Amino acid sequence: MQQPTHESVAAEAAAQQATLPEPTAEEQAQLDQLYKDFEAGNMIPLWTEIGELMPMVPSPKAIPHVWRWNELYPLAARAGDLVPVGRGGERRAIALANPGLGGTPYATPTLWAAIQYLGAHETAPEHRHSQNAFRFVVEGEGVWTVVNGDPVAMRRGDFLLTPGWNFHGHHNDTDQPMAWIDGLDIPFVHYADAGFFEFGTERVTDDATPEISRSERLWAHPGLRPLSGLDNTTNSPIAAYRWEHTDRALREQLLLEDEGHPATVSQGHAAIRYSNPTTGGDVMPTIRAEFHRLRAGASTAALREVGSSVWQVFEGRGSAVINGETKTLEKGDLFVVPSWASWSLQADPQAETEFDLFRFSDAPIFERLNFNRSYIEGSK
């Protein structure tokens, strides 16, 4: 039996209404006045809006879209030549604007993504804000991000945290520019009117260039927690999740699969979630981050999820099928999956390397609100 829709129910109601007597002139005048009084009193009746306010399934304004790295990076480099970085503008960051969101600088209604570019020996001054942020490096090195006075090296494959209300700045200690991806919950915080911002120092509070940050020295030891830090924290205390650990975890999952042991999400599909070691949960309260690796030729089932996500290809070639449309992808490309869009991944069967992808999403928000839902296409 086919499920009713707002349109089918409205059509049935209209058909029933058509069998009733037409309203008298006096009744029509009263009805017209009622709607005028609603408008004058800044009121809107639900019965005229229910299809928009309560759709049968999510109907996001954001649309699937791909931003090509070979277009993003040259534009960022041109901005590096022409646009200074410093107090006021704060960051040479170029936001990815979803074409479905009416010109707002948002990748999705809850997530902000941008390419940030820092030239040789440049410094982005310190500030702090309510919004949670992270950096993901698809290529390059030579920049240190300083978070609450702790210098953290940024290198290819690293996932670096800047939780809300932590002072942070960046400095490039080399003769070469560097670019990376920023992810924040700016749209969600803006919509909720929860944002605060504060300027910090003009430079950075510590311009040292250590190989390993203080937070990693204390916290980044697998399965080990310092007795000096037994209280749970809202955000992960680890400033950087290093590529060598991510790569090893994914590689071991696939090796275990080869040996016949259960380790992967599905055949040829290894994946990890970055976690807060004090809670076992997500690294930040509004953002989930994952890394996925598909063997050449491997694919995933088509999935729908409440909530949106942004992906970046770290290495390899493949495609994403979003709402039935195939989008070819290669290193550096970023793409958006809106809420309840059907998506699946396919690694190029001819590729010489695995298909590696970084993903971040707003899943923690929807889970805490109990709005989360997912569906594998074809399942009952």
Foldseek 3Di string as FASTA:
>chain_A
DDDDFPVNVVVVVVVVVVVDDDDDPVVVVVVVVVVVVCVVVVHDDCVVCVCPVPGPADDFLFDKDKDAPVVQVVVLVVCVVPPDAFPPVQFSWQWDDGPSPPPDSDNGLFKIKTKTKDAAFDKRFKKFKQKWKKWAFLADWQKWKAWQNKTATDHHGKIFTRHHPTIIMMGGHGNGMGMIMMMIRVSVCVVVVNMDMGGDDRGGPDPDDDPHIPLCVQPVDPPDHDPVDQDADQAASRGMDDRVVVVVLQVVLLVCVVVVHHRDPDVQKHKDWDARVNPRHARHQFKTKMKMWGAQFDKDFWKAKAWKKKKAWSAAWWWKQWQNDIDTDGHGMMIMHHHRIIIMIGGHNPIPGITMMMMMIRVSVCVVVVNIDMDGPPDD
